[in-house]
Amino acid sequence: MSDLPPCPQCRSPYTYEDGNLLACPECGNEWSAQATAASDEPRTIRDANGNMLIDGDSVTVIKDLKVKGSSLVVKVGTKVRNIRLVDGDHDIDCKIDGIGPMKLKSEFVRKA
């Protein structure tokens, strides 16, 4: 088995070297080996006030947020319990009572 890192996009273990890049045959993602070394550090996600967030925290929404594709709005002060941190632009995955599963940006919440 090779000692190449798994694909950062789909976590496939079947990566291979393609010149100076690493490539994934399953999703077609290509990345540099230097970027992989830098991304091995754990990513810290912080709320609007700079407090570090972890899985299972409770947060409060600090701005009215429109729900895409519907007329619903997540109001200021809505408390969201048991968040999950994920990679990507919207880095919080949660369920909001009365709305359902959502993804939120950490810049619009504060730790409760």
Protein backbone atom coordinates (compact mmCIF):
# COMPACT_ATOMS: atom_id res chain seq x y z
CA MET A 1 0.00 0.00 0.00
CA SER A 2 1.31 3.45 -0.83
CA ASP A 3 1.96 6.12 1.76
CA LEU A 4 0.11 8.79 -0.25
CA PRO A 5 -2.56 10.77 1.64
CA PRO A 6 -6.25 10.19 0.85
CA CYS A 7 -8.13 12.60 -1.41
CA PRO A 8 -9.07 15.76 0.56
CA GLN A 9 -12.35 16.07 -1.36
CA CYS A 10 -13.84 12.55 -1.26
CA ARG A 11 -11.41 10.81 1.19
CA SER A 12 -10.66 8.07 -1.36
CA PRO A 13 -7.53 6.03 -0.50
CA TYR A 14 -6.76 5.37 -4.21
CA THR A 15 -4.68 8.47 -4.91
CA TYR A 16 -1.72 8.44 -7.29
CA GLU A 17 1.08 10.77 -8.35
CA ASP A 18 0.71 12.62 -11.66
CA GLY A 19 3.90 14.60 -12.16
CA ASN A 20 4.08 17.21 -9.38
CA LEU A 21 0.43 16.71 -8.43
CA LEU A 22 -1.55 14.07 -6.58
CA ALA A 23 -4.75 12.89 -8.29
CA CYS A 24 -7.88 10.99 -7.30
CA PRO A 25 -9.32 8.53 -9.85
CA GLU A 26 -12.76 8.51 -8.20
CA CYS A 27 -13.67 12.21 -8.15
CA GLY A 28 -11.02 13.65 -10.51
CA ASN A 29 -9.62 16.05 -7.89
CA GLU A 30 -5.99 17.15 -8.30
CA TRP A 31 -3.90 18.87 -5.62
CA SER A 32 -0.27 19.51 -4.76
CA ALA A 33 1.60 17.45 -2.21
CA GLN A 34 2.73 20.64 -0.44
CA ALA A 35 -0.89 21.70 0.12
CA THR A 36 -1.58 18.32 1.73
CA ALA A 37 1.23 18.81 4.24
CA ALA A 38 -0.14 22.23 5.23
CA SER A 39 -3.72 20.98 5.51
CA ASP A 40 -2.87 18.21 8.00
CA GLU A 41 -3.10 20.77 10.81
CA PRO A 42 -6.50 20.73 12.53
CA ARG A 43 -8.72 23.57 11.37
CA THR A 44 -10.17 25.75 14.11
CA ILE A 45 -13.58 27.24 13.54
CA ARG A 46 -14.45 30.38 15.48
CA ASP A 47 -17.72 32.21 15.99
CA ALA A 48 -18.38 35.92 15.34
CA ASN A 49 -16.80 36.85 18.71
CA GLY A 50 -13.68 34.73 18.18
CA ASN A 51 -14.64 31.87 20.51
CA MET A 52 -13.55 28.44 19.32
CA LEU A 53 -16.42 26.10 18.38
CA ILE A 54 -16.44 22.31 18.77
CA ASP A 55 -18.91 19.57 17.83
CA GLY A 56 -21.92 19.48 20.15
CA ASP A 57 -21.83 23.18 21.10
CA SER A 58 -24.91 25.36 21.26
CA VAL A 59 -24.88 28.61 19.31
CA THR A 60 -27.15 31.62 18.86
CA VAL A 61 -27.83 33.28 15.49
CA ILE A 62 -26.76 36.96 15.48
CA LYS A 63 -28.39 38.05 12.20
CA ASP A 64 -31.67 37.34 10.39
CA LEU A 65 -30.85 34.66 7.79
CA LYS A 66 -33.07 33.95 4.79
CA VAL A 67 -33.55 30.27 4.01
CA LYS A 68 -32.67 29.71 0.37
CA GLY A 69 -35.54 28.37 -1.70
CA SER A 70 -38.26 29.25 0.80
CA SER A 71 -39.92 32.22 2.47
CA LEU A 72 -38.70 31.19 5.93
CA VAL A 73 -36.28 33.32 7.96
CA VAL A 74 -34.04 32.24 10.84
CA LYS A 75 -34.54 35.09 13.32
CA VAL A 76 -31.91 36.79 15.46
CA GLY A 77 -31.56 35.01 18.80
CA THR A 78 -32.55 31.57 17.52
CA LYS A 79 -30.69 29.01 19.62
CA VAL A 80 -29.22 26.04 17.76
CA ARG A 81 -28.14 23.03 19.81
CA ASN A 82 -25.78 20.17 19.05
CA ILE A 83 -23.94 21.59 16.03
CA ARG A 84 -21.57 19.59 13.82
CA LEU A 85 -18.52 21.23 12.27
CA VAL A 86 -17.82 20.40 8.63
CA ASP A 87 -15.40 21.58 5.95
CA GLY A 88 -16.52 24.09 3.38
CA ASP A 89 -17.90 27.59 3.12
CA HIS A 90 -20.86 26.82 5.39
CA ASP A 91 -18.94 25.17 8.21
CA ILE A 92 -21.76 24.37 10.68
CA ASP A 93 -24.26 21.58 10.06
CA CYS A 94 -27.32 21.63 12.35
CA LYS A 95 -31.06 21.18 12.76
CA ILE A 96 -33.18 24.22 13.57
CA ASP A 97 -36.56 23.66 15.24
CA GLY A 98 -39.39 24.52 12.87
CA ILE A 99 -37.10 24.71 9.82
CA GLY A 100 -35.11 21.46 9.66
CA PRO A 101 -31.54 20.62 8.66
CA MET A 102 -29.39 23.59 7.63
CA LYS A 103 -25.83 24.65 7.05
CA LEU A 104 -24.67 27.91 8.64
CA LYS A 105 -21.59 30.07 8.39
CA SER A 106 -19.73 30.47 11.67
CA GLU A 107 -19.51 34.25 11.15
CA PHE A 108 -23.27 34.55 11.78
CA VAL A 109 -23.40 32.74 15.13
CA ARG A 110 -22.02 33.17 18.61
CA LYS A 111 -21.40 30.54 21.24
CA ALA A 112 -24.28 30.25 23.71
